N, C-alpha and C. Protein backbone atom coordinates (compact mmCIF):
# COMPACT_ATOMS: atom_id res chain seq x y z
N MET A 1 80.09 45.64 181.43
CA MET A 1 78.66 46.17 182.23
C MET A 1 77.57 44.87 181.68
N LYS A 2 78.45 43.92 181.13
CA LYS A 2 77.88 42.83 180.45
C LYS A 2 77.55 41.63 182.07
N ASN A 3 76.22 41.23 181.71
CA ASN A 3 75.52 40.91 182.88
C ASN A 3 75.27 41.30 183.85
N SER A 4 74.92 42.73 183.92
CA SER A 4 74.89 43.84 185.62
C SER A 4 73.48 42.91 185.91
N VAL A 5 72.87 43.02 185.18
CA VAL A 5 71.83 42.30 185.55
C VAL A 5 71.28 40.90 186.49
N GLY A 6 72.24 39.90 185.53
CA GLY A 6 72.28 38.62 185.60
C GLY A 6 73.42 38.40 187.16
N GLU A 7 74.01 39.53 187.36
CA GLU A 7 75.16 39.74 188.40
C GLU A 7 74.70 40.21 189.77
N HIS A 8 73.36 40.97 189.29
CA HIS A 8 72.55 41.49 190.49
C HIS A 8 71.44 40.23 190.99
N VAL A 9 71.09 39.67 190.11
CA VAL A 9 69.77 38.40 190.76
C VAL A 9 71.17 37.05 191.28
N ARG A 10 72.23 36.95 190.91
CA ARG A 10 73.42 36.02 191.40
C ARG A 10 73.74 37.13 192.81
N ASP A 11 73.32 37.87 193.04
CA ASP A 11 74.03 38.42 194.34
C ASP A 11 72.94 38.23 195.19
N LEU A 12 71.44 38.50 195.29
CA LEU A 12 70.74 38.86 195.97
C LEU A 12 70.24 37.26 196.28
N ARG A 13 70.66 35.85 195.48
CA ARG A 13 70.87 35.37 195.76
C ARG A 13 71.47 34.45 197.09
N ASN A 14 72.76 35.18 196.68
CA ASN A 14 74.23 34.24 197.75
C ASN A 14 72.90 35.59 198.98
N THR A 15 72.69 36.21 198.73
CA THR A 15 72.34 36.83 200.17
C THR A 15 71.13 36.33 200.84
N LYS A 16 70.47 35.83 199.95
CA LYS A 16 69.39 35.15 200.33
C LYS A 16 69.55 34.27 201.37
N ASN A 17 70.63 33.49 200.43
CA ASN A 17 71.26 31.53 200.55
C ASN A 17 71.83 31.82 202.27
N VAL A 18 72.80 33.16 202.11
CA VAL A 18 73.76 33.45 203.96
C VAL A 18 72.74 33.53 204.73
N LEU A 19 71.39 34.43 204.48
CA LEU A 19 70.40 34.25 205.41
C LEU A 19 69.53 33.67 206.16
N ILE A 20 69.20 32.71 204.91
CA ILE A 20 68.40 31.23 205.42
C ILE A 20 69.33 30.61 206.06
N SER A 21 70.74 30.56 205.79
CA SER A 21 71.92 30.15 206.56
C SER A 21 71.80 30.24 208.09
N LEU A 22 72.45 31.50 208.08
CA LEU A 22 72.57 32.38 209.22
C LEU A 22 70.61 31.68 210.40
N LEU A 23 69.73 32.22 209.93
CA LEU A 23 68.53 31.70 210.27
C LEU A 23 68.30 30.28 210.56
N ILE A 24 68.95 29.18 209.97
CA ILE A 24 69.42 27.65 210.42
C ILE A 24 70.48 27.56 211.39
N GLY A 25 71.26 28.22 211.86
CA GLY A 25 71.75 27.71 212.41
C GLY A 25 72.45 28.64 213.68
N SER A 26 71.02 29.70 213.76
CA SER A 26 70.58 30.39 215.17
C SER A 26 69.74 29.25 215.85
N LEU A 27 68.92 29.02 215.04
CA LEU A 27 67.37 27.34 216.03
C LEU A 27 68.46 26.75 215.84
N THR A 28 68.95 26.05 215.00
CA THR A 28 69.50 25.11 215.27
C THR A 28 70.40 25.10 216.84
N GLY A 29 71.10 26.09 216.82
CA GLY A 29 72.14 26.66 218.29
C GLY A 29 71.40 27.05 219.48
N ALA A 30 70.11 28.06 219.05
CA ALA A 30 69.19 27.53 220.28
C ALA A 30 68.38 26.28 220.87
N ALA A 31 68.38 25.63 219.99
CA ALA A 31 67.56 24.17 220.21
C ALA A 31 68.82 23.32 220.79
N ILE A 32 70.27 22.78 220.48
CA ILE A 32 70.94 22.76 221.15
C ILE A 32 71.08 22.86 222.26
N MET A 33 70.91 24.29 222.50
CA MET A 33 71.63 25.12 224.20
C MET A 33 70.29 24.68 225.37
N LEU A 34 68.86 24.66 224.61
CA LEU A 34 68.27 24.10 225.42
C LEU A 34 68.39 23.04 225.75
N LEU A 35 68.71 21.82 224.92
CA LEU A 35 69.09 20.13 225.13
C LEU A 35 70.43 20.27 226.11
N PHE A 36 71.16 21.44 226.39
CA PHE A 36 72.00 20.72 227.33
C PHE A 36 72.30 22.10 228.44
N ALA A 37 71.22 22.58 228.25
CA ALA A 37 70.84 23.86 229.47
C ALA A 37 71.14 23.06 230.88
N PRO A 38 72.11 23.53 231.85
CA PRO A 38 72.30 22.74 232.83
C PRO A 38 71.27 22.66 234.03
N GLN A 39 70.08 24.01 233.83
CA GLN A 39 69.55 23.75 234.45
C GLN A 39 67.85 23.96 234.11
N SER A 40 67.03 23.88 235.15
CA SER A 40 65.84 23.86 234.56
C SER A 40 65.36 25.28 233.84
N GLY A 41 64.45 25.17 233.33
CA GLY A 41 63.57 27.08 232.69
C GLY A 41 63.12 27.35 233.71
N ARG A 42 62.39 27.05 234.83
CA ARG A 42 62.07 27.71 236.00
C ARG A 42 63.53 28.82 236.75
N GLN A 43 64.50 27.99 236.77
CA GLN A 43 65.44 28.29 237.52
C GLN A 43 66.17 29.45 236.51
N THR A 44 65.99 29.24 235.35
CA THR A 44 67.02 29.83 234.27
C THR A 44 66.12 31.42 234.16
N ARG A 45 64.79 31.37 233.97
CA ARG A 45 63.74 32.78 234.16
C ARG A 45 63.90 33.41 235.27
N ALA A 46 64.46 32.68 236.53
CA ALA A 46 64.43 33.32 237.77
C ALA A 46 65.52 34.30 237.95
N GLN A 47 66.63 32.91 237.22
CA GLN A 47 67.81 33.78 237.70
C GLN A 47 67.96 34.95 236.42
N ILE A 48 67.50 34.79 235.36
CA ILE A 48 67.53 36.22 234.53
C ILE A 48 66.60 37.11 234.82
N TYR A 49 65.71 37.42 235.93
CA TYR A 49 64.74 38.22 236.30
C TYR A 49 65.76 38.60 237.19
N GLN A 50 66.08 37.96 238.04
CA GLN A 50 67.36 38.70 239.04
C GLN A 50 68.16 39.56 238.65
N ARG A 51 68.82 38.83 237.36
CA ARG A 51 70.45 39.80 237.08
C ARG A 51 69.28 41.07 236.50
N SER A 52 67.97 40.52 235.75
CA SER A 52 67.74 42.09 235.38
C SER A 52 66.96 43.53 236.38
N ILE A 53 66.46 42.83 237.30
CA ILE A 53 66.45 43.67 238.26
C ILE A 53 67.98 44.15 238.74
N GLN A 54 69.37 43.93 238.94
CA GLN A 54 69.69 44.03 239.57
C GLN A 54 70.65 45.09 238.45
N LEU A 55 70.83 44.84 237.02
CA LEU A 55 70.82 45.74 235.69
C LEU A 55 70.09 47.30 236.11
N ARG A 56 69.05 47.23 236.45
CA ARG A 56 68.40 47.96 236.54
C ARG A 56 68.29 49.35 237.64
N ASP A 57 68.67 48.52 238.64
CA ASP A 57 68.65 49.47 239.37
C ASP A 57 70.07 50.02 239.58
N ARG A 58 71.59 49.20 238.84
CA ARG A 58 72.86 49.79 238.70
C ARG A 58 72.50 51.25 237.94
N THR A 59 71.76 50.74 236.98
CA THR A 59 71.46 51.59 235.75
C THR A 59 70.60 53.15 236.17
N GLN A 60 70.08 52.88 237.29
CA GLN A 60 68.74 53.93 237.79
C GLN A 60 70.37 54.36 238.99
N MET A 61 71.09 53.78 239.66
CA MET A 61 72.15 54.85 240.45
C MET A 61 73.17 55.60 239.27
N ASP A 62 73.44 54.97 237.81
CA ASP A 62 74.56 55.39 237.44
C ASP A 62 73.89 57.20 236.97
N ARG A 63 72.82 56.96 236.37
CA ARG A 63 71.82 58.35 236.44
C ARG A 63 71.17 58.81 237.11
N VAL A 64 71.04 58.16 238.36
CA VAL A 64 70.58 59.34 239.88
C VAL A 64 72.04 60.13 240.47
N SER A 65 72.78 59.27 240.61
CA SER A 65 74.21 59.33 241.23
C SER A 65 74.30 61.19 240.37
N PRO A 66 74.87 61.36 239.52
CA PRO A 66 75.06 62.34 238.96
C PRO A 66 74.32 63.52 238.94
N ALA A 67 73.01 63.56 238.86
CA ALA A 67 71.92 64.22 239.16
C ALA A 67 71.81 64.83 240.51
N LEU A 68 71.99 64.31 241.85
CA LEU A 68 72.55 64.68 242.90
C LEU A 68 73.42 65.01 243.27
N GLU A 69 74.40 64.79 242.98
CA GLU A 69 75.74 66.12 242.87
C GLU A 69 75.52 67.20 241.72
N ALA A 70 74.95 67.08 240.87
CA ALA A 70 74.91 68.38 240.41
C ALA A 70 73.79 69.46 241.31
N GLY A 71 72.80 68.63 241.72
CA GLY A 71 72.51 69.35 242.77
C GLY A 71 72.84 69.56 243.91
N LYS A 72 73.39 68.92 244.71
CA LYS A 72 73.92 69.69 245.72
C LYS A 72 74.72 70.82 245.35
N THR A 73 75.61 70.20 244.17
CA THR A 73 76.47 71.30 243.63
C THR A 73 75.64 73.03 243.60
N ALA A 74 74.73 72.24 243.21
CA ALA A 74 73.86 74.13 242.72
C ALA A 74 73.40 74.82 243.92
N VAL A 75 72.70 73.76 245.13
CA VAL A 75 72.45 74.02 246.06
C VAL A 75 73.75 75.33 247.02
N LYS A 76 75.00 74.67 246.97
CA LYS A 76 76.18 74.83 247.87
C LYS A 76 76.13 76.56 246.93
N ALA A 77 76.26 76.19 245.53
CA ALA A 77 76.42 77.83 245.00
C ALA A 77 75.45 78.74 245.31
N ALA A 78 74.37 78.30 246.21
CA ALA A 78 73.12 79.00 245.69
C ALA A 78 73.53 80.20 246.90
């Protein structure tokens, strides 16, 4: 149990260093991604918008279809 406080402080410093390194790496990766993007920001935003609409519609259908089937089954059983 010697140096348990010292070891704890050292662990916190290591954790802090790892988190700072991850943040710097993420920011660097994002900057490089923007520099080497194959299309303009306007095109990228439009593509993200279209894909989000497709995902929303698909998700809604995944939720609505089972509810419709359950409703049809309930009506037939009544």
